Amino acid sequence: MKILIAEDEKTSRKILQRILTKDGYDVTAVEDGLKTLASIQKEAPDMLITDWMMPGLDGLELCRRVRCLDFSGYVYIILLTALAEKERIIQGLNAGADDYVTKPFDRTELLARVRAGERVIQLEKSLLQKNKELSEALAQVKQLKGIVPICMHCKKIRNDENYWQQVEEYLAEHTEADFSHSICPECLEKHYPEYVNKKKTRATLVDH
């Protein structure tokens, strides 16, 4: 999971980066809000951990701007704040943060909140994949939707290029179905009467 840290205080930034890197995350650290926003616009991380108080662009405004950007996936935001008052926390969550950690932060609490966010991210990615698979399935269904011209005698289907194809060829191109050829009882009796008669004769001899 890719984590971007936005923290203007050098010591805190290095501690955060060291803790998260040691825990196996791909971490990038930036020292202010404007550089963070520019980095996100180039490549969105899975998670953003941002300090509230920063020069140029504070964490609150950074949250608002990130939520206005259009990403293929969701960026989970954890807000770092030295102010633990209820009103300030609500303000941060309303600005677009998903969670918060108070400073000075505890290592175990920080990692617990990061892992909780990671579960949300993985769920979101799973839902995106399911939606993609569903969209592809619906697209295949739409290819067969509507009137399909089929010959009343040979049962060939006319495709979009106005060529006539065997049914199995047409369906193979428009679906993921696999075909195996067999023969129904009616066609067996019509096209291979000698085989059917032979079976009937054997059955009669067995009965007697």
N, C-alpha and C. Protein backbone atom coordinates (compact mmCIF):
# COMPACT_ATOMS: atom_id res chain seq x y z
N MET A 1 0.84 -1.19 0.00
CA MET A 1 0.00 0.00 0.00
C MET A 1 0.89 1.25 0.00
N LYS A 2 0.56 2.20 -0.85
CA LYS A 2 1.33 3.44 -0.96
C LYS A 2 0.76 4.50 -0.02
N ILE A 3 1.63 5.03 0.84
CA ILE A 3 1.23 6.06 1.80
C ILE A 3 2.02 7.33 1.53
N LEU A 4 1.31 8.45 1.50
CA LEU A 4 1.95 9.76 1.35
C LEU A 4 1.80 10.52 2.67
N ILE A 5 2.93 11.00 3.20
CA ILE A 5 2.92 11.77 4.46
C ILE A 5 3.11 13.24 4.14
N ALA A 6 2.26 14.08 4.72
CA ALA A 6 2.40 15.53 4.60
C ALA A 6 2.65 16.09 6.02
N GLU A 7 3.87 16.46 6.29
CA GLU A 7 4.26 16.91 7.65
C GLU A 7 5.41 17.89 7.53
N ASP A 8 5.19 19.14 8.02
CA ASP A 8 6.22 20.16 7.87
C ASP A 8 7.33 20.05 8.92
N GLU A 9 7.04 19.41 10.05
CA GLU A 9 8.04 19.28 11.11
C GLU A 9 8.95 18.09 10.78
N LYS A 10 10.24 18.37 10.58
CA LYS A 10 11.18 17.39 10.06
C LYS A 10 11.29 16.13 10.91
N THR A 11 11.42 16.30 12.22
CA THR A 11 11.59 15.15 13.10
C THR A 11 10.37 14.24 13.07
N SER A 12 9.19 14.85 13.17
CA SER A 12 7.94 14.08 13.14
C SER A 12 7.78 13.36 11.80
N ARG A 13 8.15 14.04 10.71
CA ARG A 13 8.05 13.46 9.37
C ARG A 13 8.94 12.22 9.24
N LYS A 14 10.17 12.30 9.76
CA LYS A 14 11.09 11.18 9.67
C LYS A 14 10.65 10.01 10.54
N ILE A 15 10.10 10.32 11.72
CA ILE A 15 9.62 9.26 12.60
C ILE A 15 8.46 8.52 11.96
N LEU A 16 7.52 9.28 11.40
CA LEU A 16 6.38 8.67 10.71
C LEU A 16 6.84 7.77 9.56
N GLN A 17 7.75 8.29 8.77
CA GLN A 17 8.24 7.53 7.61
C GLN A 17 8.95 6.26 8.05
N ARG A 18 9.74 6.36 9.10
CA ARG A 18 10.49 5.19 9.58
C ARG A 18 9.54 4.11 10.12
N ILE A 19 8.55 4.52 10.91
CA ILE A 19 7.59 3.57 11.49
C ILE A 19 6.83 2.82 10.41
N LEU A 20 6.33 3.56 9.44
CA LEU A 20 5.49 2.95 8.40
C LEU A 20 6.31 2.12 7.41
N THR A 21 7.51 2.58 7.09
CA THR A 21 8.39 1.82 6.20
C THR A 21 8.79 0.50 6.85
N LYS A 22 9.11 0.56 8.15
CA LYS A 22 9.49 -0.64 8.88
C LYS A 22 8.34 -1.64 8.93
N ASP A 23 7.12 -1.15 8.88
CA ASP A 23 5.94 -2.03 8.93
C ASP A 23 5.56 -2.55 7.54
N GLY A 24 6.36 -2.21 6.53
CA GLY A 24 6.17 -2.80 5.20
C GLY A 24 5.44 -1.95 4.19
N TYR A 25 5.18 -0.68 4.50
CA TYR A 25 4.45 0.17 3.57
C TYR A 25 5.41 0.94 2.65
N ASP A 26 4.90 1.29 1.48
CA ASP A 26 5.64 2.10 0.51
C ASP A 26 5.35 3.56 0.83
N VAL A 27 6.32 4.25 1.42
CA VAL A 27 6.06 5.57 2.01
C VAL A 27 6.84 6.67 1.29
N THR A 28 6.14 7.78 1.04
CA THR A 28 6.76 9.01 0.53
C THR A 28 6.39 10.14 1.48
N ALA A 29 7.33 11.00 1.79
CA ALA A 29 7.08 12.11 2.73
C ALA A 29 7.32 13.45 2.05
N VAL A 30 6.40 14.39 2.30
CA VAL A 30 6.48 15.74 1.73
C VAL A 30 6.33 16.74 2.88
N GLU A 31 6.97 17.92 2.73
CA GLU A 31 7.05 18.84 3.87
C GLU A 31 5.98 19.93 3.92
N ASP A 32 5.12 20.06 2.89
CA ASP A 32 4.04 21.05 3.00
C ASP A 32 2.85 20.66 2.15
N GLY A 33 1.76 21.38 2.36
CA GLY A 33 0.49 21.04 1.73
C GLY A 33 0.46 21.21 0.22
N LEU A 34 1.08 22.28 -0.27
CA LEU A 34 1.07 22.54 -1.71
C LEU A 34 1.85 21.47 -2.48
N LYS A 35 3.02 21.08 -1.96
CA LYS A 35 3.79 20.02 -2.60
C LYS A 35 3.04 18.69 -2.53
N THR A 36 2.33 18.48 -1.44
CA THR A 36 1.54 17.25 -1.29
C THR A 36 0.45 17.19 -2.34
N LEU A 37 -0.26 18.29 -2.53
CA LEU A 37 -1.33 18.34 -3.53
C LEU A 37 -0.78 18.10 -4.93
N ALA A 38 0.37 18.70 -5.23
CA ALA A 38 0.99 18.52 -6.55
C ALA A 38 1.38 17.05 -6.76
N SER A 39 1.89 16.42 -5.71
CA SER A 39 2.28 15.01 -5.80
C SER A 39 1.06 14.12 -6.03
N ILE A 40 -0.04 14.42 -5.33
CA ILE A 40 -1.26 13.62 -5.47
C ILE A 40 -1.85 13.76 -6.86
N GLN A 41 -1.76 14.95 -7.43
CA GLN A 41 -2.30 15.17 -8.77
C GLN A 41 -1.52 14.39 -9.83
N LYS A 42 -0.26 14.12 -9.56
CA LYS A 42 0.55 13.31 -10.49
C LYS A 42 0.25 11.83 -10.31
N GLU A 43 0.21 11.38 -9.07
CA GLU A 43 -0.06 9.97 -8.76
C GLU A 43 -0.71 9.87 -7.39
N ALA A 44 -1.94 9.42 -7.36
CA ALA A 44 -2.68 9.34 -6.10
C ALA A 44 -2.18 8.16 -5.25
N PRO A 45 -1.93 8.39 -3.95
CA PRO A 45 -1.54 7.29 -3.07
C PRO A 45 -2.79 6.53 -2.62
N ASP A 46 -2.59 5.42 -1.95
CA ASP A 46 -3.72 4.72 -1.35
C ASP A 46 -4.18 5.43 -0.08
N MET A 47 -3.20 5.99 0.63
CA MET A 47 -3.51 6.67 1.90
C MET A 47 -2.69 7.94 2.03
N LEU A 48 -3.33 8.97 2.59
CA LEU A 48 -2.66 10.23 2.88
C LEU A 48 -2.71 10.45 4.39
N ILE A 49 -1.54 10.68 5.00
CA ILE A 49 -1.47 11.05 6.41
C ILE A 49 -0.95 12.47 6.46
N THR A 50 -1.80 13.40 6.88
CA THR A 50 -1.43 14.80 6.81
C THR A 50 -1.56 15.52 8.15
N ASP A 51 -0.59 16.36 8.43
CA ASP A 51 -0.66 17.20 9.61
C ASP A 51 -1.70 18.30 9.39
N TRP A 52 -2.31 18.77 10.45
CA TRP A 52 -3.32 19.83 10.34
C TRP A 52 -2.65 21.15 10.04
N MET A 53 -1.63 21.52 10.86
CA MET A 53 -0.98 22.81 10.73
C MET A 53 0.25 22.70 9.83
N MET A 54 0.15 23.30 8.64
CA MET A 54 1.27 23.31 7.69
C MET A 54 1.29 24.64 6.95
N PRO A 55 2.47 25.07 6.51
CA PRO A 55 2.56 26.32 5.74
C PRO A 55 2.01 26.14 4.33
N GLY A 56 1.51 27.21 3.75
CA GLY A 56 1.03 27.19 2.36
C GLY A 56 -0.38 26.65 2.24
N LEU A 57 -0.58 25.45 2.68
CA LEU A 57 -1.89 24.79 2.59
C LEU A 57 -2.02 23.87 3.80
N ASP A 58 -2.93 24.19 4.70
CA ASP A 58 -3.04 23.36 5.90
C ASP A 58 -3.77 22.04 5.61
N GLY A 59 -3.74 21.14 6.58
CA GLY A 59 -4.32 19.81 6.39
C GLY A 59 -5.80 19.83 6.11
N LEU A 60 -6.51 20.78 6.70
CA LEU A 60 -7.95 20.87 6.50
C LEU A 60 -8.28 21.21 5.05
N GLU A 61 -7.60 22.23 4.52
CA GLU A 61 -7.84 22.63 3.13
C GLU A 61 -7.33 21.56 2.16
N LEU A 62 -6.26 20.88 2.54
CA LEU A 62 -5.73 19.80 1.71
C LEU A 62 -6.77 18.69 1.57
N CYS A 63 -7.42 18.35 2.67
CA CYS A 63 -8.48 17.33 2.63
C CYS A 63 -9.58 17.74 1.66
N ARG A 64 -10.01 18.99 1.75
CA ARG A 64 -11.09 19.48 0.88
C ARG A 64 -10.69 19.40 -0.60
N ARG A 65 -9.46 19.78 -0.90
CA ARG A 65 -9.02 19.80 -2.30
C ARG A 65 -8.84 18.37 -2.85
N VAL A 66 -8.34 17.49 -2.03
CA VAL A 66 -8.18 16.09 -2.45
C VAL A 66 -9.54 15.48 -2.77
N ARG A 67 -10.56 15.80 -1.97
CA ARG A 67 -11.89 15.24 -2.21
C ARG A 67 -12.53 15.82 -3.47
N CYS A 68 -12.01 16.93 -3.98
CA CYS A 68 -12.54 17.50 -5.22
C CYS A 68 -11.87 16.89 -6.46
N LEU A 69 -10.80 16.14 -6.26
CA LEU A 69 -10.10 15.53 -7.39
C LEU A 69 -10.78 14.23 -7.79
N ASP A 70 -10.59 13.87 -9.04
CA ASP A 70 -11.22 12.66 -9.59
C ASP A 70 -10.18 11.56 -9.73
N PHE A 71 -10.32 10.52 -8.91
CA PHE A 71 -9.40 9.39 -8.95
C PHE A 71 -10.17 8.13 -9.32
N SER A 72 -9.45 7.15 -9.86
CA SER A 72 -10.07 5.86 -10.15
C SER A 72 -10.35 5.09 -8.86
N GLY A 73 -9.53 5.33 -7.83
CA GLY A 73 -9.73 4.68 -6.53
C GLY A 73 -9.94 5.73 -5.44
N TYR A 74 -10.07 5.24 -4.22
CA TYR A 74 -10.33 6.13 -3.09
C TYR A 74 -9.04 6.39 -2.32
N VAL A 75 -8.80 7.65 -1.94
CA VAL A 75 -7.65 8.02 -1.12
C VAL A 75 -8.13 8.15 0.33
N TYR A 76 -7.64 7.27 1.17
CA TYR A 76 -8.01 7.28 2.59
C TYR A 76 -7.14 8.31 3.31
N ILE A 77 -7.76 9.21 4.09
CA ILE A 77 -7.03 10.31 4.71
C ILE A 77 -7.07 10.21 6.24
N ILE A 78 -5.89 10.24 6.83
CA ILE A 78 -5.77 10.32 8.29
C ILE A 78 -5.18 11.69 8.62
N LEU A 79 -5.86 12.41 9.49
CA LEU A 79 -5.46 13.76 9.86
C LEU A 79 -4.70 13.73 11.19
N LEU A 80 -3.50 14.32 11.20
CA LEU A 80 -2.73 14.44 12.43
C LEU A 80 -3.02 15.79 13.07
N THR A 81 -3.39 15.78 14.35
CA THR A 81 -3.71 17.03 15.01
C THR A 81 -3.32 17.01 16.48
N ALA A 82 -2.81 18.15 16.94
CA ALA A 82 -2.49 18.31 18.36
C ALA A 82 -3.72 18.77 19.12
N LEU A 83 -4.78 19.09 18.39
CA LEU A 83 -6.01 19.60 19.00
C LEU A 83 -7.06 18.49 19.00
N ALA A 84 -7.36 17.97 20.18
CA ALA A 84 -8.25 16.81 20.29
C ALA A 84 -9.68 17.20 20.69
N GLU A 85 -10.00 18.51 20.63
CA GLU A 85 -11.36 18.92 20.97
C GLU A 85 -12.36 18.33 19.98
N LYS A 86 -13.52 18.00 20.48
CA LYS A 86 -14.55 17.34 19.68
C LYS A 86 -14.89 18.16 18.44
N GLU A 87 -15.03 19.49 18.62
CA GLU A 87 -15.43 20.36 17.50
C GLU A 87 -14.38 20.35 16.39
N ARG A 88 -13.10 20.32 16.78
CA ARG A 88 -12.03 20.34 15.79
C ARG A 88 -11.99 19.01 15.03
N ILE A 89 -12.22 17.92 15.74
CA ILE A 89 -12.22 16.61 15.10
C ILE A 89 -13.36 16.52 14.09
N ILE A 90 -14.53 16.99 14.50
CA ILE A 90 -15.69 16.99 13.59
C ILE A 90 -15.40 17.85 12.37
N GLN A 91 -14.74 18.98 12.59
CA GLN A 91 -14.38 19.86 11.48
C GLN A 91 -13.48 19.14 10.48
N GLY A 92 -12.51 18.38 10.99
CA GLY A 92 -11.60 17.63 10.13
C GLY A 92 -12.31 16.54 9.34
N LEU A 93 -13.20 15.81 10.01
CA LEU A 93 -13.95 14.75 9.34
C LEU A 93 -14.87 15.32 8.28
N ASN A 94 -15.49 16.46 8.59
CA ASN A 94 -16.37 17.10 7.60
C ASN A 94 -15.60 17.64 6.40
N ALA A 95 -14.32 17.93 6.59
CA ALA A 95 -13.49 18.43 5.48
C ALA A 95 -13.08 17.31 4.53
N GLY A 96 -13.27 16.04 4.97
CA GLY A 96 -12.94 14.92 4.09
C GLY A 96 -12.02 13.89 4.69
N ALA A 97 -11.54 14.11 5.93
CA ALA A 97 -10.68 13.11 6.57
C ALA A 97 -11.51 11.89 6.96
N ASP A 98 -10.89 10.72 6.92
CA ASP A 98 -11.57 9.49 7.31
C ASP A 98 -11.30 9.13 8.76
N ASP A 99 -10.17 9.58 9.28
CA ASP A 99 -9.79 9.25 10.65
C ASP A 99 -8.81 10.31 11.12
N TYR A 100 -8.45 10.25 12.40
CA TYR A 100 -7.48 11.21 12.92
C TYR A 100 -6.61 10.53 13.97
N VAL A 101 -5.42 11.09 14.17
CA VAL A 101 -4.50 10.66 15.23
C VAL A 101 -4.00 11.91 15.92
N THR A 102 -4.07 11.93 17.25
CA THR A 102 -3.62 13.10 18.00
C THR A 102 -2.10 13.06 18.21
N LYS A 103 -1.51 14.26 18.19
CA LYS A 103 -0.07 14.40 18.41
C LYS A 103 0.19 14.85 19.85
N PRO A 104 1.27 14.36 20.45
CA PRO A 104 2.23 13.38 19.91
C PRO A 104 1.58 12.00 19.79
N PHE A 105 1.79 11.34 18.65
CA PHE A 105 1.10 10.09 18.37
C PHE A 105 1.79 8.89 19.02
N ASP A 106 0.98 7.90 19.33
CA ASP A 106 1.48 6.64 19.85
C ASP A 106 1.68 5.68 18.67
N ARG A 107 2.82 5.02 18.62
CA ARG A 107 3.15 4.14 17.49
C ARG A 107 2.11 3.05 17.27
N THR A 108 1.69 2.38 18.33
CA THR A 108 0.73 1.28 18.19
C THR A 108 -0.63 1.79 17.73
N GLU A 109 -1.04 2.96 18.23
CA GLU A 109 -2.32 3.52 17.79
C GLU A 109 -2.25 3.93 16.33
N LEU A 110 -1.14 4.54 15.94
CA LEU A 110 -0.97 4.96 14.55
C LEU A 110 -1.08 3.77 13.61
N LEU A 111 -0.35 2.69 13.91
CA LEU A 111 -0.37 1.51 13.05
C LEU A 111 -1.75 0.86 13.05
N ALA A 112 -2.43 0.87 14.18
CA ALA A 112 -3.78 0.28 14.24
C ALA A 112 -4.74 1.05 13.34
N ARG A 113 -4.63 2.37 13.34
CA ARG A 113 -5.52 3.19 12.49
C ARG A 113 -5.14 3.05 11.01
N VAL A 114 -3.85 2.92 10.73
CA VAL A 114 -3.42 2.71 9.34
C VAL A 114 -3.94 1.38 8.83
N ARG A 115 -3.87 0.35 9.66
CA ARG A 115 -4.36 -0.97 9.23
C ARG A 115 -5.88 -0.99 9.07
N ALA A 116 -6.56 -0.24 9.92
CA ALA A 116 -8.02 -0.12 9.76
C ALA A 116 -8.33 0.54 8.42
N GLY A 117 -7.56 1.58 8.08
CA GLY A 117 -7.75 2.24 6.79
C GLY A 117 -7.39 1.32 5.63
N GLU A 118 -6.38 0.49 5.82
CA GLU A 118 -5.98 -0.45 4.77
C GLU A 118 -7.10 -1.44 4.46
N ARG A 119 -7.83 -1.87 5.50
CA ARG A 119 -8.96 -2.78 5.28
C ARG A 119 -10.04 -2.11 4.43
N VAL A 120 -10.29 -0.84 4.69
CA VAL A 120 -11.27 -0.09 3.90
C VAL A 120 -10.81 0.03 2.45
N ILE A 121 -9.53 0.31 2.26
CA ILE A 121 -8.97 0.45 0.92
C ILE A 121 -9.08 -0.86 0.14
N GLN A 122 -8.74 -1.97 0.79
CA GLN A 122 -8.82 -3.27 0.13
C GLN A 122 -10.26 -3.62 -0.24
N LEU A 123 -11.19 -3.27 0.64
CA LEU A 123 -12.61 -3.51 0.34
C LEU A 123 -13.04 -2.67 -0.86
N GLU A 124 -12.60 -1.42 -0.89
CA GLU A 124 -12.96 -0.53 -2.00
C GLU A 124 -12.40 -1.04 -3.32
N LYS A 125 -11.15 -1.55 -3.29
CA LYS A 125 -10.54 -2.11 -4.49
C LYS A 125 -11.27 -3.36 -4.95
N SER A 126 -11.70 -4.16 -3.98
CA SER A 126 -12.45 -5.37 -4.31
C SER A 126 -13.78 -5.03 -4.98
N LEU A 127 -14.44 -3.99 -4.46
CA LEU A 127 -15.72 -3.56 -5.04
C LEU A 127 -15.52 -3.02 -6.45
N LEU A 128 -14.42 -2.29 -6.66
CA LEU A 128 -14.13 -1.77 -8.00
C LEU A 128 -13.92 -2.91 -8.99
N GLN A 129 -13.21 -3.96 -8.55
CA GLN A 129 -12.98 -5.10 -9.42
C GLN A 129 -14.28 -5.82 -9.74
N LYS A 130 -15.14 -5.98 -8.73
CA LYS A 130 -16.44 -6.62 -8.94
C LYS A 130 -17.29 -5.81 -9.91
N ASN A 131 -17.27 -4.48 -9.76
CA ASN A 131 -18.03 -3.62 -10.66
C ASN A 131 -17.50 -3.71 -12.09
N LYS A 132 -16.17 -3.83 -12.23
CA LYS A 132 -15.57 -3.97 -13.55
C LYS A 132 -16.01 -5.27 -14.21
N GLU A 133 -15.99 -6.35 -13.43
CA GLU A 133 -16.42 -7.66 -13.95
C GLU A 133 -17.89 -7.64 -14.33
N LEU A 134 -18.70 -6.97 -13.51
CA LEU A 134 -20.13 -6.86 -13.80
C LEU A 134 -20.38 -6.06 -15.08
N SER A 135 -19.63 -4.96 -15.24
CA SER A 135 -19.77 -4.14 -16.44
C SER A 135 -19.40 -4.92 -17.69
N GLU A 136 -18.33 -5.72 -17.59
CA GLU A 136 -17.91 -6.54 -18.73
C GLU A 136 -18.97 -7.59 -19.06
N ALA A 137 -19.57 -8.17 -18.02
CA ALA A 137 -20.61 -9.18 -18.23
C ALA A 137 -21.84 -8.55 -18.88
N LEU A 138 -22.20 -7.35 -18.42
CA LEU A 138 -23.36 -6.65 -19.01
C LEU A 138 -23.10 -6.27 -20.46
N ALA A 139 -21.85 -5.90 -20.74
CA ALA A 139 -21.49 -5.54 -22.12
C ALA A 139 -21.65 -6.74 -23.03
N GLN A 140 -21.29 -7.93 -22.54
CA GLN A 140 -21.45 -9.14 -23.35
C GLN A 140 -22.92 -9.47 -23.56
N VAL A 141 -23.72 -9.24 -22.51
CA VAL A 141 -25.15 -9.50 -22.63
C VAL A 141 -25.77 -8.55 -23.66
N LYS A 142 -25.34 -7.29 -23.64
CA LYS A 142 -25.89 -6.30 -24.57
C LYS A 142 -25.57 -6.66 -26.02
N GLN A 143 -24.46 -7.35 -26.25
CA GLN A 143 -24.11 -7.75 -27.61
C GLN A 143 -25.14 -8.71 -28.20
N LEU A 144 -25.81 -9.46 -27.35
CA LEU A 144 -26.81 -10.42 -27.81
C LEU A 144 -28.23 -9.89 -27.66
N LYS A 145 -28.33 -8.64 -27.18
CA LYS A 145 -29.65 -8.06 -26.96
C LYS A 145 -30.25 -7.59 -28.28
N GLY A 146 -31.55 -7.76 -28.44
CA GLY A 146 -32.23 -7.30 -29.63
C GLY A 146 -32.57 -8.45 -30.57
N ILE A 147 -32.96 -8.12 -31.78
CA ILE A 147 -33.37 -9.13 -32.76
C ILE A 147 -32.15 -9.69 -33.47
N VAL A 148 -32.03 -11.02 -33.47
CA VAL A 148 -30.94 -11.70 -34.16
C VAL A 148 -31.52 -12.39 -35.40
N PRO A 149 -31.14 -11.96 -36.60
CA PRO A 149 -31.67 -12.59 -37.83
C PRO A 149 -31.11 -14.00 -38.01
N ILE A 150 -31.99 -14.98 -38.09
CA ILE A 150 -31.58 -16.37 -38.21
C ILE A 150 -32.33 -17.03 -39.36
N CYS A 151 -31.63 -17.80 -40.16
CA CYS A 151 -32.26 -18.47 -41.30
C CYS A 151 -33.24 -19.55 -40.81
N MET A 152 -34.45 -19.55 -41.38
CA MET A 152 -35.47 -20.49 -40.92
C MET A 152 -35.18 -21.93 -41.35
N HIS A 153 -34.24 -22.10 -42.32
CA HIS A 153 -33.95 -23.45 -42.81
C HIS A 153 -32.64 -24.00 -42.23
N CYS A 154 -31.53 -23.29 -42.50
CA CYS A 154 -30.23 -23.81 -42.05
C CYS A 154 -29.84 -23.32 -40.67
N LYS A 155 -30.60 -22.33 -40.12
CA LYS A 155 -30.38 -21.79 -38.78
C LYS A 155 -29.08 -20.98 -38.64
N LYS A 156 -28.51 -20.52 -39.77
CA LYS A 156 -27.36 -19.63 -39.68
C LYS A 156 -27.80 -18.24 -39.23
N ILE A 157 -26.89 -17.51 -38.61
CA ILE A 157 -27.19 -16.16 -38.11
C ILE A 157 -26.46 -15.13 -38.95
N ARG A 158 -27.18 -14.03 -39.28
CA ARG A 158 -26.56 -12.95 -40.03
C ARG A 158 -25.89 -11.99 -39.05
N ASN A 159 -24.57 -11.76 -39.19
CA ASN A 159 -23.86 -10.89 -38.27
C ASN A 159 -23.94 -9.43 -38.70
N ASP A 160 -23.24 -8.56 -37.97
CA ASP A 160 -23.30 -7.12 -38.24
C ASP A 160 -22.70 -6.75 -39.59
N GLU A 161 -21.81 -7.61 -40.13
CA GLU A 161 -21.19 -7.34 -41.44
C GLU A 161 -22.01 -7.94 -42.57
N ASN A 162 -23.20 -8.41 -42.25
CA ASN A 162 -24.14 -8.97 -43.22
C ASN A 162 -23.67 -10.32 -43.79
N TYR A 163 -22.82 -11.01 -43.04
CA TYR A 163 -22.40 -12.35 -43.42
C TYR A 163 -23.16 -13.37 -42.57
N TRP A 164 -23.39 -14.54 -43.16
CA TRP A 164 -24.12 -15.58 -42.44
C TRP A 164 -23.14 -16.54 -41.78
N GLN A 165 -23.34 -16.79 -40.50
CA GLN A 165 -22.46 -17.65 -39.73
C GLN A 165 -23.24 -18.80 -39.09
N GLN A 166 -22.51 -19.87 -38.81
CA GLN A 166 -23.11 -20.93 -38.02
C GLN A 166 -23.41 -20.39 -36.62
N VAL A 167 -24.44 -20.94 -36.01
CA VAL A 167 -24.86 -20.46 -34.68
C VAL A 167 -23.71 -20.50 -33.70
N GLU A 168 -22.96 -21.62 -33.68
CA GLU A 168 -21.88 -21.75 -32.70
C GLU A 168 -20.77 -20.75 -32.95
N GLU A 169 -20.51 -20.40 -34.23
CA GLU A 169 -19.49 -19.41 -34.54
C GLU A 169 -19.91 -18.03 -34.02
N TYR A 170 -21.18 -17.70 -34.26
CA TYR A 170 -21.69 -16.40 -33.84
C TYR A 170 -21.64 -16.25 -32.32
N LEU A 171 -22.11 -17.27 -31.61
CA LEU A 171 -22.14 -17.21 -30.16
C LEU A 171 -20.74 -17.23 -29.56
N ALA A 172 -19.83 -17.93 -30.20
CA ALA A 172 -18.45 -17.96 -29.71
C ALA A 172 -17.79 -16.59 -29.79
N GLU A 173 -18.16 -15.81 -30.81
CA GLU A 173 -17.61 -14.46 -30.97
C GLU A 173 -18.24 -13.46 -30.01
N HIS A 174 -19.49 -13.71 -29.62
CA HIS A 174 -20.21 -12.74 -28.81
C HIS A 174 -20.38 -13.14 -27.35
N THR A 175 -19.93 -14.33 -27.00
CA THR A 175 -20.00 -14.77 -25.60
C THR A 175 -18.72 -15.53 -25.28
N GLU A 176 -18.62 -15.99 -24.03
CA GLU A 176 -17.48 -16.79 -23.61
C GLU A 176 -17.84 -18.28 -23.56
N ALA A 177 -18.94 -18.65 -24.20
CA ALA A 177 -19.41 -20.03 -24.16
C ALA A 177 -18.51 -20.94 -25.00
N ASP A 178 -18.32 -22.16 -24.52
CA ASP A 178 -17.62 -23.20 -25.27
C ASP A 178 -18.64 -24.21 -25.78
N PHE A 179 -18.38 -24.78 -26.97
CA PHE A 179 -19.36 -25.67 -27.59
C PHE A 179 -18.79 -27.06 -27.81
N SER A 180 -19.65 -28.05 -27.64
CA SER A 180 -19.33 -29.43 -28.03
C SER A 180 -20.52 -29.92 -28.85
N HIS A 181 -20.26 -30.61 -29.94
CA HIS A 181 -21.34 -31.02 -30.83
C HIS A 181 -21.90 -32.39 -30.43
N SER A 182 -23.21 -32.47 -30.50
CA SER A 182 -23.91 -33.71 -30.23
C SER A 182 -25.09 -33.78 -31.21
N ILE A 183 -26.02 -34.70 -30.96
CA ILE A 183 -27.17 -34.83 -31.85
C ILE A 183 -28.40 -35.20 -31.02
N CYS A 184 -29.49 -34.51 -31.30
CA CYS A 184 -30.71 -34.75 -30.53
C CYS A 184 -31.42 -36.01 -31.07
N PRO A 185 -32.34 -36.63 -30.30
CA PRO A 185 -33.03 -37.85 -30.74
C PRO A 185 -33.78 -37.68 -32.05
N GLU A 186 -34.43 -36.52 -32.25
CA GLU A 186 -35.19 -36.30 -33.47
C GLU A 186 -34.27 -36.29 -34.70
N CYS A 187 -33.14 -35.60 -34.60
CA CYS A 187 -32.20 -35.55 -35.73
C CYS A 187 -31.53 -36.91 -35.95
N LEU A 188 -31.30 -37.62 -34.86
CA LEU A 188 -30.72 -38.95 -34.99
C LEU A 188 -31.63 -39.87 -35.80
N GLU A 189 -32.93 -39.81 -35.51
CA GLU A 189 -33.88 -40.66 -36.22
C GLU A 189 -34.06 -40.21 -37.66
N LYS A 190 -33.97 -38.90 -37.90
CA LYS A 190 -34.17 -38.36 -39.25
C LYS A 190 -32.97 -38.65 -40.16
N HIS A 191 -31.76 -38.42 -39.63
CA HIS A 191 -30.57 -38.51 -40.47
C HIS A 191 -29.88 -39.87 -40.39
N TYR A 192 -30.11 -40.61 -39.36
CA TYR A 192 -29.47 -41.92 -39.20
C TYR A 192 -30.52 -42.98 -38.83
N PRO A 193 -31.51 -43.20 -39.71
CA PRO A 193 -32.58 -44.15 -39.38
C PRO A 193 -32.07 -45.58 -39.21
N GLU A 194 -31.04 -45.94 -39.97
CA GLU A 194 -30.51 -47.30 -39.86
C GLU A 194 -29.95 -47.58 -38.46
N TYR A 195 -29.35 -46.54 -37.87
CA TYR A 195 -28.80 -46.69 -36.52
C TYR A 195 -29.91 -46.85 -35.50
N VAL A 196 -30.96 -46.04 -35.67
CA VAL A 196 -32.10 -46.10 -34.75
C VAL A 196 -32.81 -47.44 -34.88
N ASN A 197 -33.02 -47.90 -36.13
CA ASN A 197 -33.69 -49.18 -36.36
C ASN A 197 -32.89 -50.34 -35.77
N LYS A 198 -31.58 -50.25 -35.89
CA LYS A 198 -30.72 -51.30 -35.35
C LYS A 198 -30.86 -51.36 -33.83
N LYS A 199 -30.92 -50.18 -33.19
CA LYS A 199 -31.08 -50.16 -31.74
C LYS A 199 -32.43 -50.72 -31.33
N LYS A 200 -33.48 -50.39 -32.12
CA LYS A 200 -34.82 -50.90 -31.82
C LYS A 200 -34.86 -52.42 -31.96
N THR A 201 -34.20 -52.92 -32.99
CA THR A 201 -34.18 -54.36 -33.23
C THR A 201 -33.49 -55.08 -32.07
N ARG A 202 -32.37 -54.54 -31.61
CA ARG A 202 -31.67 -55.13 -30.48
C ARG A 202 -32.51 -55.12 -29.23
N ALA A 203 -33.23 -54.01 -29.03
CA ALA A 203 -34.07 -53.90 -27.85
C ALA A 203 -35.20 -54.93 -27.89
N THR A 204 -35.76 -55.19 -29.11
CA THR A 204 -36.84 -56.16 -29.26
C THR A 204 -36.34 -57.57 -28.96
N LEU A 205 -35.13 -57.89 -29.47
CA LEU A 205 -34.56 -59.21 -29.22
C LEU A 205 -34.28 -59.45 -27.74
N VAL A 206 -33.85 -58.42 -27.07
CA VAL A 206 -33.58 -58.54 -25.63
C VAL A 206 -34.87 -58.79 -24.86
N ASP A 207 -35.95 -58.11 -25.26
CA ASP A 207 -37.23 -58.26 -24.57
C ASP A 207 -37.78 -59.67 -24.75
N HIS A 208 -37.47 -60.30 -25.90
CA HIS A 208 -37.98 -61.65 -26.16
C HIS A 208 -37.00 -62.71 -25.61
